[in-house]
Amino acid sequence: MADEERLLHLQSWTNQTVQATVGKGKKQKPKFKSFKEFYDHEKRLREIDDSKDNTQKKRKQRLAEIARRLNSE
């Protein structure tokens, strides 16, 4: 999924490079200097991993709470 997301951003980057500029007149320059500045693939992968870790932690906490309740009965 992240690879597909990267390809979409790469296409957007290509389009943006052609069109987006900052400044006026002869002092125009591209808004982003590099693709990584536009889309950081490694950062996105870390965000996805962190999200998975948080989901697993929440699930474990929920199961531990259920087990605690069952053991206290």
N, C-alpha and C. Protein backbone atom coordinates (compact mmCIF):
# COMPACT_ATOMS: atom_id res chain seq x y z
N MET A 1 0.82 -1.19 0.00
CA MET A 1 0.00 0.00 0.00
C MET A 1 0.87 1.27 0.00
N ALA A 2 1.91 1.25 0.83
CA ALA A 2 2.80 2.41 0.90
C ALA A 2 3.52 2.62 -0.43
N ASP A 3 3.83 1.51 -1.12
CA ASP A 3 4.50 1.64 -2.42
C ASP A 3 3.57 2.29 -3.45
N GLU A 4 2.29 1.92 -3.41
CA GLU A 4 1.33 2.56 -4.32
C GLU A 4 1.20 4.04 -3.99
N GLU A 5 1.17 4.33 -2.68
CA GLU A 5 1.08 5.72 -2.24
C GLU A 5 2.29 6.51 -2.74
N ARG A 6 3.46 5.88 -2.68
CA ARG A 6 4.69 6.53 -3.15
C ARG A 6 4.59 6.83 -4.64
N LEU A 7 4.09 5.88 -5.41
CA LEU A 7 3.97 6.10 -6.85
C LEU A 7 3.01 7.25 -7.16
N LEU A 8 1.92 7.33 -6.41
CA LEU A 8 0.98 8.44 -6.61
C LEU A 8 1.66 9.77 -6.29
N HIS A 9 2.43 9.80 -5.23
CA HIS A 9 3.12 11.03 -4.87
C HIS A 9 4.21 11.37 -5.89
N LEU A 10 4.86 10.35 -6.42
CA LEU A 10 5.88 10.59 -7.43
C LEU A 10 5.25 11.21 -8.68
N GLN A 11 4.09 10.73 -9.07
CA GLN A 11 3.37 11.32 -10.21
C GLN A 11 2.99 12.76 -9.91
N SER A 12 2.49 12.99 -8.69
CA SER A 12 2.15 14.36 -8.28
C SER A 12 3.37 15.25 -8.29
N TRP A 13 4.50 14.70 -7.82
CA TRP A 13 5.75 15.46 -7.80
C TRP A 13 6.14 15.87 -9.22
N THR A 14 6.01 14.96 -10.15
CA THR A 14 6.35 15.25 -11.54
C THR A 14 5.47 16.38 -12.07
N ASN A 15 4.18 16.28 -11.81
CA ASN A 15 3.26 17.33 -12.25
C ASN A 15 3.57 18.65 -11.56
N GLN A 16 3.84 18.59 -10.28
CA GLN A 16 4.13 19.78 -9.49
C GLN A 16 5.40 20.46 -9.97
N THR A 17 6.40 19.66 -10.30
CA THR A 17 7.68 20.20 -10.75
C THR A 17 7.49 21.06 -11.99
N VAL A 18 6.62 20.63 -12.84
CA VAL A 18 6.37 21.37 -14.08
C VAL A 18 5.59 22.65 -13.81
N GLN A 19 4.69 22.64 -12.83
CA GLN A 19 3.75 23.74 -12.65
C GLN A 19 4.01 24.66 -11.46
N ALA A 20 4.31 24.10 -10.30
CA ALA A 20 4.34 24.90 -9.07
C ALA A 20 5.64 25.68 -8.92
N THR A 21 5.50 26.96 -8.66
CA THR A 21 6.65 27.80 -8.42
C THR A 21 6.33 28.77 -7.28
N VAL A 22 7.39 29.31 -6.72
CA VAL A 22 7.27 30.31 -5.67
C VAL A 22 7.98 31.56 -6.16
N GLY A 23 7.42 32.70 -5.88
CA GLY A 23 8.03 33.94 -6.32
C GLY A 23 7.30 34.51 -7.53
N LYS A 24 7.76 35.68 -7.95
CA LYS A 24 7.12 36.36 -9.08
C LYS A 24 8.16 36.71 -10.13
N GLY A 25 7.69 36.79 -11.33
CA GLY A 25 8.56 37.23 -12.42
C GLY A 25 9.73 36.29 -12.66
N LYS A 26 10.91 36.86 -12.82
CA LYS A 26 12.10 36.07 -13.12
C LYS A 26 12.64 35.35 -11.90
N LYS A 27 12.14 35.67 -10.70
CA LYS A 27 12.65 35.05 -9.48
C LYS A 27 11.85 33.82 -9.07
N GLN A 28 11.09 33.25 -9.99
CA GLN A 28 10.32 32.05 -9.68
C GLN A 28 11.26 30.85 -9.54
N LYS A 29 10.92 29.98 -8.59
CA LYS A 29 11.68 28.75 -8.41
C LYS A 29 10.72 27.67 -7.92
N PRO A 30 11.07 26.41 -8.07
CA PRO A 30 10.18 25.33 -7.64
C PRO A 30 9.86 25.43 -6.15
N LYS A 31 8.65 25.08 -5.79
CA LYS A 31 8.22 25.14 -4.40
C LYS A 31 8.99 24.13 -3.55
N PHE A 32 9.22 22.93 -4.07
CA PHE A 32 9.97 21.90 -3.36
C PHE A 32 11.28 21.67 -4.08
N LYS A 33 12.36 21.54 -3.32
CA LYS A 33 13.67 21.38 -3.93
C LYS A 33 14.00 19.93 -4.24
N SER A 34 13.33 19.00 -3.57
CA SER A 34 13.58 17.58 -3.82
C SER A 34 12.28 16.80 -3.64
N PHE A 35 12.28 15.60 -4.20
CA PHE A 35 11.10 14.75 -4.05
C PHE A 35 10.89 14.39 -2.59
N LYS A 36 11.98 14.13 -1.87
CA LYS A 36 11.88 13.75 -0.45
C LYS A 36 11.23 14.87 0.37
N GLU A 37 11.50 16.10 0.01
CA GLU A 37 10.87 17.23 0.70
C GLU A 37 9.36 17.22 0.45
N PHE A 38 8.99 16.78 -0.73
CA PHE A 38 7.58 16.71 -1.11
C PHE A 38 6.90 15.50 -0.47
N TYR A 39 7.59 14.35 -0.48
CA TYR A 39 7.03 13.11 0.07
C TYR A 39 8.17 12.25 0.61
N ASP A 40 8.20 12.05 1.93
CA ASP A 40 9.24 11.26 2.58
C ASP A 40 8.72 9.83 2.78
N HIS A 41 9.13 8.95 1.87
CA HIS A 41 8.66 7.57 1.87
C HIS A 41 9.05 6.83 3.15
N GLU A 42 10.29 6.99 3.60
CA GLU A 42 10.75 6.32 4.81
C GLU A 42 9.94 6.78 6.03
N LYS A 43 9.65 8.06 6.10
CA LYS A 43 8.85 8.60 7.20
C LYS A 43 7.45 7.99 7.18
N ARG A 44 6.88 7.88 5.98
CA ARG A 44 5.54 7.31 5.85
C ARG A 44 5.53 5.84 6.29
N LEU A 45 6.59 5.10 5.93
CA LEU A 45 6.67 3.70 6.35
C LEU A 45 6.76 3.60 7.87
N ARG A 46 7.52 4.51 8.50
CA ARG A 46 7.60 4.52 9.97
C ARG A 46 6.24 4.83 10.58
N GLU A 47 5.50 5.77 9.98
CA GLU A 47 4.16 6.10 10.48
C GLU A 47 3.23 4.90 10.40
N ILE A 48 3.33 4.16 9.31
CA ILE A 48 2.50 2.96 9.16
C ILE A 48 2.87 1.91 10.20
N ASP A 49 4.18 1.70 10.40
CA ASP A 49 4.63 0.74 11.41
C ASP A 49 4.18 1.16 12.81
N ASP A 50 4.31 2.45 13.11
CA ASP A 50 3.88 2.95 14.42
C ASP A 50 2.39 2.74 14.62
N SER A 51 1.63 2.96 13.57
CA SER A 51 0.19 2.76 13.64
C SER A 51 -0.14 1.30 13.93
N LYS A 52 0.57 0.39 13.26
CA LYS A 52 0.37 -1.05 13.51
C LYS A 52 0.75 -1.40 14.94
N ASP A 53 1.87 -0.85 15.42
CA ASP A 53 2.31 -1.11 16.79
C ASP A 53 1.27 -0.63 17.79
N ASN A 54 0.73 0.58 17.57
CA ASN A 54 -0.27 1.12 18.47
C ASN A 54 -1.54 0.28 18.47
N THR A 55 -1.93 -0.20 17.30
CA THR A 55 -3.12 -1.05 17.21
C THR A 55 -2.90 -2.35 17.97
N GLN A 56 -1.71 -2.94 17.84
CA GLN A 56 -1.41 -4.18 18.56
C GLN A 56 -1.35 -3.94 20.06
N LYS A 57 -0.78 -2.81 20.49
CA LYS A 57 -0.72 -2.50 21.92
C LYS A 57 -2.12 -2.32 22.49
N LYS A 58 -2.97 -1.61 21.76
CA LYS A 58 -4.34 -1.41 22.23
C LYS A 58 -5.08 -2.74 22.33
N ARG A 59 -4.88 -3.61 21.36
CA ARG A 59 -5.53 -4.92 21.36
C ARG A 59 -5.05 -5.74 22.57
N LYS A 60 -3.74 -5.73 22.83
CA LYS A 60 -3.20 -6.46 23.97
C LYS A 60 -3.73 -5.89 25.28
N GLN A 61 -3.82 -4.56 25.37
CA GLN A 61 -4.35 -3.94 26.58
C GLN A 61 -5.81 -4.33 26.79
N ARG A 62 -6.58 -4.35 25.71
CA ARG A 62 -7.99 -4.71 25.81
C ARG A 62 -8.13 -6.17 26.25
N LEU A 63 -7.32 -7.06 25.70
CA LEU A 63 -7.37 -8.47 26.07
C LEU A 63 -6.92 -8.67 27.52
N ALA A 64 -5.91 -7.91 27.94
CA ALA A 64 -5.45 -8.00 29.33
C ALA A 64 -6.55 -7.54 30.28
N GLU A 65 -7.27 -6.51 29.91
CA GLU A 65 -8.38 -6.02 30.74
C GLU A 65 -9.48 -7.06 30.82
N ILE A 66 -9.81 -7.70 29.71
CA ILE A 66 -10.83 -8.76 29.72
C ILE A 66 -10.38 -9.91 30.61
N ALA A 67 -9.11 -10.31 30.48
CA ALA A 67 -8.58 -11.40 31.32
C ALA A 67 -8.61 -11.02 32.79
N ARG A 68 -8.27 -9.78 33.10
CA ARG A 68 -8.30 -9.31 34.49
C ARG A 68 -9.71 -9.40 35.06
N ARG A 69 -10.69 -8.96 34.28
CA ARG A 69 -12.09 -9.01 34.72
C ARG A 69 -12.56 -10.44 34.93
N LEU A 70 -12.18 -11.32 34.00
CA LEU A 70 -12.58 -12.73 34.13
C LEU A 70 -11.94 -13.39 35.36
N ASN A 71 -10.69 -13.04 35.63
CA ASN A 71 -9.99 -13.62 36.79
C ASN A 71 -10.50 -13.08 38.10
N SER A 72 -11.09 -11.89 38.09
CA SER A 72 -11.58 -11.30 39.35
C SER A 72 -12.98 -11.80 39.71
N GLU A 73 -13.64 -12.49 38.82
CA GLU A 73 -14.99 -12.99 39.10
C GLU A 73 -14.99 -14.22 39.92
